[in-house]
């Protein structure tokens, strides 16, 4: 999986690409941990436009990120999922946990 990180003022974006599965665990955690530790970051967007595949471990990683972000008083949103990823997020009721745009 590839991860692109960018920051615009107090808003950070993690752009994900490829297969989002257990193999991405360490890399994903390292990327978001840096942003959670950054006191200037108030909100974080996980851009899913490049994600071709998402499994249950990826859903778990997003839930863990949500938990840690809440503890750090930061907002998390998911953006630009493709239709296949939207279906997976809908089945998992992620629209009740995350803002998805």
N, C-alpha and C. Protein backbone atom coordinates (compact mmCIF):
# COMPACT_ATOMS: atom_id res chain seq x y z
N UNK A 1 0.84 -1.18 0.00
CA UNK A 1 0.00 0.00 0.00
C UNK A 1 0.88 1.24 0.00
N UNK A 2 0.43 2.25 -0.68
CA UNK A 2 1.16 3.51 -0.65
C UNK A 2 0.37 4.51 0.19
N UNK A 3 1.10 5.35 0.92
CA UNK A 3 0.49 6.37 1.77
C UNK A 3 1.14 7.71 1.46
N UNK A 4 0.31 8.67 1.13
CA UNK A 4 0.77 10.04 0.90
C UNK A 4 0.25 10.90 2.05
N UNK A 5 1.10 11.73 2.57
CA UNK A 5 0.74 12.56 3.72
C UNK A 5 0.89 14.03 3.32
N UNK A 6 -0.13 14.84 3.63
CA UNK A 6 -0.02 16.27 3.37
C UNK A 6 -0.74 17.03 4.47
N UNK A 7 -0.37 18.30 4.60
CA UNK A 7 -0.96 19.13 5.65
C UNK A 7 -1.30 20.48 5.07
N UNK A 8 -2.47 20.99 5.43
CA UNK A 8 -2.91 22.31 5.00
C UNK A 8 -3.41 23.03 6.25
N UNK A 9 -2.56 23.83 6.84
CA UNK A 9 -2.93 24.50 8.09
C UNK A 9 -3.11 23.46 9.19
N UNK A 10 -4.29 23.43 9.79
CA UNK A 10 -4.55 22.47 10.88
C UNK A 10 -5.25 21.21 10.39
N UNK A 11 -5.31 21.02 9.06
CA UNK A 11 -5.97 19.85 8.46
C UNK A 11 -4.92 18.98 7.77
N UNK A 12 -4.90 17.70 8.13
CA UNK A 12 -3.96 16.75 7.52
C UNK A 12 -4.72 15.75 6.66
N UNK A 13 -4.08 15.30 5.61
CA UNK A 13 -4.68 14.31 4.71
C UNK A 13 -3.72 13.14 4.57
N UNK A 14 -4.27 11.94 4.79
CA UNK A 14 -3.53 10.71 4.48
C UNK A 14 -4.20 10.11 3.25
N UNK A 15 -3.49 10.09 2.14
CA UNK A 15 -4.00 9.50 0.92
C UNK A 15 -3.52 8.06 0.81
N UNK A 16 -4.45 7.14 0.72
CA UNK A 16 -4.11 5.72 0.67
C UNK A 16 -4.30 5.19 -0.74
N UNK A 17 -3.44 4.26 -1.13
CA UNK A 17 -3.56 3.66 -2.46
C UNK A 17 -3.22 2.18 -2.42
N UNK A 18 -3.87 1.43 -3.28
CA UNK A 18 -3.60 0.00 -3.38
C UNK A 18 -4.51 -0.83 -2.48
N UNK A 19 -3.95 -1.89 -1.93
CA UNK A 19 -4.70 -2.80 -1.06
C UNK A 19 -4.55 -2.36 0.39
N UNK A 20 -5.68 -2.08 1.03
CA UNK A 20 -5.67 -1.69 2.44
C UNK A 20 -6.07 -2.93 3.23
N UNK A 21 -5.05 -3.65 3.70
CA UNK A 21 -5.29 -4.89 4.45
C UNK A 21 -4.27 -5.01 5.57
N UNK A 22 -4.21 -6.15 6.22
CA UNK A 22 -3.34 -6.31 7.39
C UNK A 22 -1.88 -6.00 7.09
N UNK A 23 -1.44 -6.24 5.88
CA UNK A 23 -0.04 -5.97 5.52
C UNK A 23 0.30 -4.48 5.64
N UNK A 24 -0.69 -3.61 5.64
CA UNK A 24 -0.46 -2.17 5.73
C UNK A 24 -0.49 -1.67 7.18
N UNK A 25 -0.71 -2.57 8.13
CA UNK A 25 -0.91 -2.18 9.53
C UNK A 25 0.18 -1.26 10.06
N UNK A 26 1.43 -1.70 10.00
CA UNK A 26 2.53 -0.93 10.59
C UNK A 26 2.70 0.43 9.90
N UNK A 27 2.70 0.41 8.59
CA UNK A 27 2.89 1.64 7.81
C UNK A 27 1.76 2.65 8.07
N UNK A 28 0.52 2.17 8.12
CA UNK A 28 -0.63 3.04 8.37
C UNK A 28 -0.55 3.63 9.78
N UNK A 29 -0.22 2.79 10.77
CA UNK A 29 -0.14 3.26 12.15
C UNK A 29 0.96 4.32 12.30
N UNK A 30 2.10 4.09 11.69
CA UNK A 30 3.20 5.07 11.75
C UNK A 30 2.78 6.40 11.14
N UNK A 31 2.07 6.35 10.01
CA UNK A 31 1.65 7.57 9.32
C UNK A 31 0.67 8.38 10.17
N UNK A 32 -0.35 7.71 10.74
CA UNK A 32 -1.33 8.49 11.50
C UNK A 32 -0.82 8.86 12.88
N UNK A 33 0.07 8.09 13.46
CA UNK A 33 0.61 8.42 14.80
C UNK A 33 1.37 9.74 14.76
N UNK A 34 2.11 9.97 13.70
CA UNK A 34 2.84 11.23 13.53
C UNK A 34 1.87 12.40 13.54
N UNK A 35 0.75 12.24 12.82
CA UNK A 35 -0.23 13.33 12.74
C UNK A 35 -0.98 13.52 14.06
N UNK A 36 -1.28 12.43 14.74
CA UNK A 36 -1.97 12.55 16.04
C UNK A 36 -1.09 13.26 17.07
N UNK A 37 0.22 13.06 16.96
CA UNK A 37 1.15 13.67 17.90
C UNK A 37 1.40 15.14 17.59
N UNK A 38 1.03 15.58 16.40
CA UNK A 38 1.25 16.96 15.97
C UNK A 38 0.15 17.85 16.53
N UNK A 39 0.49 18.72 17.47
CA UNK A 39 -0.52 19.54 18.14
C UNK A 39 -1.17 20.56 17.21
N UNK A 40 -0.55 20.86 16.07
CA UNK A 40 -1.16 21.82 15.13
C UNK A 40 -2.27 21.18 14.30
N UNK A 41 -2.32 19.86 14.25
CA UNK A 41 -3.34 19.16 13.46
C UNK A 41 -4.62 19.03 14.30
N UNK A 42 -5.72 19.58 13.78
CA UNK A 42 -7.01 19.50 14.45
C UNK A 42 -7.93 18.46 13.81
N UNK A 43 -7.75 18.25 12.52
CA UNK A 43 -8.60 17.29 11.81
C UNK A 43 -7.76 16.50 10.82
N UNK A 44 -8.22 15.28 10.58
CA UNK A 44 -7.50 14.38 9.69
C UNK A 44 -8.49 13.74 8.72
N UNK A 45 -8.12 13.75 7.46
CA UNK A 45 -8.94 13.14 6.42
C UNK A 45 -8.20 11.93 5.87
N UNK A 46 -8.89 10.82 5.80
CA UNK A 46 -8.32 9.62 5.20
C UNK A 46 -8.91 9.52 3.79
N UNK A 47 -8.09 9.83 2.79
CA UNK A 47 -8.55 9.83 1.41
C UNK A 47 -8.41 8.42 0.86
N UNK A 48 -9.55 7.82 0.53
CA UNK A 48 -9.59 6.43 0.09
C UNK A 48 -9.70 6.29 -1.43
N UNK A 49 -9.49 7.39 -2.17
CA UNK A 49 -9.72 7.35 -3.62
C UNK A 49 -8.83 6.33 -4.34
N UNK A 50 -7.64 6.06 -3.80
CA UNK A 50 -6.74 5.11 -4.45
C UNK A 50 -6.84 3.70 -3.92
N UNK A 51 -7.75 3.46 -2.98
CA UNK A 51 -7.87 2.12 -2.37
C UNK A 51 -8.71 1.22 -3.27
N UNK A 52 -8.09 0.15 -3.75
CA UNK A 52 -8.77 -0.79 -4.63
C UNK A 52 -9.41 -1.92 -3.83
N UNK A 53 -8.90 -2.19 -2.64
CA UNK A 53 -9.36 -3.33 -1.83
C UNK A 53 -9.26 -2.96 -0.36
N UNK A 54 -10.28 -3.35 0.40
CA UNK A 54 -10.35 -3.05 1.83
C UNK A 54 -10.90 -4.29 2.52
N UNK A 55 -10.23 -4.77 3.57
CA UNK A 55 -10.75 -5.95 4.26
C UNK A 55 -11.10 -5.63 5.71
N UNK A 56 -11.48 -6.64 6.47
CA UNK A 56 -11.92 -6.42 7.85
C UNK A 56 -10.80 -5.89 8.74
N UNK A 57 -9.56 -6.26 8.46
CA UNK A 57 -8.47 -5.72 9.28
C UNK A 57 -8.30 -4.22 9.02
N UNK A 58 -8.55 -3.77 7.79
CA UNK A 58 -8.50 -2.34 7.48
C UNK A 58 -9.61 -1.60 8.23
N UNK A 59 -10.79 -2.21 8.31
CA UNK A 59 -11.88 -1.60 9.08
C UNK A 59 -11.46 -1.47 10.54
N UNK A 60 -10.81 -2.49 11.06
CA UNK A 60 -10.32 -2.44 12.44
C UNK A 60 -9.28 -1.35 12.65
N UNK A 61 -8.41 -1.17 11.66
CA UNK A 61 -7.39 -0.11 11.76
C UNK A 61 -8.05 1.26 11.76
N UNK A 62 -9.10 1.43 10.96
CA UNK A 62 -9.82 2.72 10.95
C UNK A 62 -10.51 2.96 12.28
N UNK A 63 -11.06 1.91 12.89
CA UNK A 63 -11.70 2.06 14.20
C UNK A 63 -10.67 2.42 15.27
N UNK A 64 -9.50 1.81 15.20
CA UNK A 64 -8.45 2.13 16.16
C UNK A 64 -8.00 3.58 15.99
N UNK A 65 -7.86 4.02 14.75
CA UNK A 65 -7.52 5.41 14.48
C UNK A 65 -8.58 6.33 15.06
N UNK A 66 -9.85 6.00 14.86
CA UNK A 66 -10.95 6.82 15.38
C UNK A 66 -10.86 6.97 16.90
N UNK A 67 -10.60 5.85 17.57
CA UNK A 67 -10.47 5.84 19.03
C UNK A 67 -9.32 6.74 19.49
N UNK A 68 -8.18 6.60 18.86
CA UNK A 68 -7.00 7.39 19.24
C UNK A 68 -7.19 8.86 18.91
N UNK A 69 -7.87 9.14 17.80
CA UNK A 69 -8.13 10.54 17.44
C UNK A 69 -9.07 11.19 18.44
N UNK A 70 -10.09 10.46 18.87
CA UNK A 70 -11.02 11.01 19.87
C UNK A 70 -10.27 11.31 21.16
N UNK A 71 -9.38 10.44 21.56
CA UNK A 71 -8.59 10.65 22.78
C UNK A 71 -7.70 11.89 22.64
N UNK A 72 -7.30 12.22 21.41
CA UNK A 72 -6.44 13.37 21.16
C UNK A 72 -7.25 14.61 20.75
N UNK A 73 -8.59 14.51 20.84
CA UNK A 73 -9.49 15.62 20.46
C UNK A 73 -9.30 16.08 19.01
N UNK A 74 -9.18 15.12 18.12
CA UNK A 74 -9.04 15.43 16.69
C UNK A 74 -10.20 14.81 15.93
N UNK A 75 -10.62 15.49 14.87
CA UNK A 75 -11.70 15.00 14.01
C UNK A 75 -11.14 14.11 12.91
N UNK A 76 -11.87 13.06 12.59
CA UNK A 76 -11.47 12.14 11.52
C UNK A 76 -12.60 12.05 10.50
N UNK A 77 -12.24 12.08 9.22
CA UNK A 77 -13.23 11.85 8.18
C UNK A 77 -12.63 10.94 7.11
N UNK A 78 -13.51 10.29 6.37
CA UNK A 78 -13.11 9.43 5.26
C UNK A 78 -13.59 10.11 3.98
N UNK A 79 -12.77 10.11 2.94
CA UNK A 79 -13.19 10.79 1.72
C UNK A 79 -12.92 9.95 0.47
N UNK A 80 -13.73 10.19 -0.53
CA UNK A 80 -13.59 9.69 -1.89
C UNK A 80 -13.44 8.18 -2.04
N UNK A 81 -14.21 7.38 -1.29
CA UNK A 81 -14.13 5.93 -1.52
C UNK A 81 -14.78 5.57 -2.85
N UNK A 82 -14.22 4.56 -3.52
CA UNK A 82 -14.85 4.11 -4.76
C UNK A 82 -16.12 3.32 -4.42
N UNK A 83 -16.97 3.01 -5.41
CA UNK A 83 -18.24 2.33 -5.12
C UNK A 83 -18.10 1.00 -4.35
N UNK A 84 -17.06 0.24 -4.63
CA UNK A 84 -16.85 -1.02 -3.92
C UNK A 84 -16.55 -0.77 -2.45
N UNK A 85 -15.68 0.19 -2.18
CA UNK A 85 -15.32 0.53 -0.80
C UNK A 85 -16.53 1.12 -0.08
N UNK A 86 -17.34 1.92 -0.78
CA UNK A 86 -18.56 2.48 -0.18
C UNK A 86 -19.46 1.36 0.32
N UNK A 87 -19.62 0.31 -0.49
CA UNK A 87 -20.47 -0.82 -0.09
C UNK A 87 -19.96 -1.47 1.19
N UNK A 88 -18.65 -1.67 1.27
CA UNK A 88 -18.05 -2.28 2.46
C UNK A 88 -18.26 -1.38 3.67
N UNK A 89 -18.05 -0.09 3.52
CA UNK A 89 -18.24 0.85 4.62
C UNK A 89 -19.70 0.89 5.06
N UNK A 90 -20.63 0.81 4.08
CA UNK A 90 -22.06 0.80 4.41
C UNK A 90 -22.45 -0.45 5.18
N UNK A 91 -21.96 -1.61 4.73
CA UNK A 91 -22.28 -2.87 5.41
C UNK A 91 -21.78 -2.83 6.85
N UNK A 92 -20.63 -2.20 7.08
CA UNK A 92 -20.04 -2.10 8.42
C UNK A 92 -20.62 -0.94 9.23
N UNK A 93 -21.61 -0.22 8.66
CA UNK A 93 -22.23 0.93 9.32
C UNK A 93 -21.22 2.03 9.69
N UNK A 94 -20.18 2.18 8.89
CA UNK A 94 -19.18 3.20 9.18
C UNK A 94 -19.72 4.61 9.00
N UNK A 95 -20.83 4.74 8.24
CA UNK A 95 -21.44 6.06 8.07
C UNK A 95 -21.99 6.60 9.40
N UNK A 96 -22.18 5.73 10.38
CA UNK A 96 -22.63 6.17 11.71
C UNK A 96 -21.45 6.56 12.60
N UNK A 97 -20.23 6.15 12.22
CA UNK A 97 -19.05 6.42 13.02
C UNK A 97 -18.16 7.51 12.43
N UNK A 98 -18.20 7.67 11.12
CA UNK A 98 -17.33 8.60 10.43
C UNK A 98 -18.15 9.50 9.52
N UNK A 99 -17.63 10.69 9.28
CA UNK A 99 -18.15 11.52 8.19
C UNK A 99 -17.49 10.99 6.93
N UNK A 100 -18.31 10.60 5.96
CA UNK A 100 -17.79 10.05 4.70
C UNK A 100 -18.26 10.95 3.57
N UNK A 101 -17.30 11.47 2.82
CA UNK A 101 -17.67 12.36 1.71
C UNK A 101 -17.03 11.90 0.41
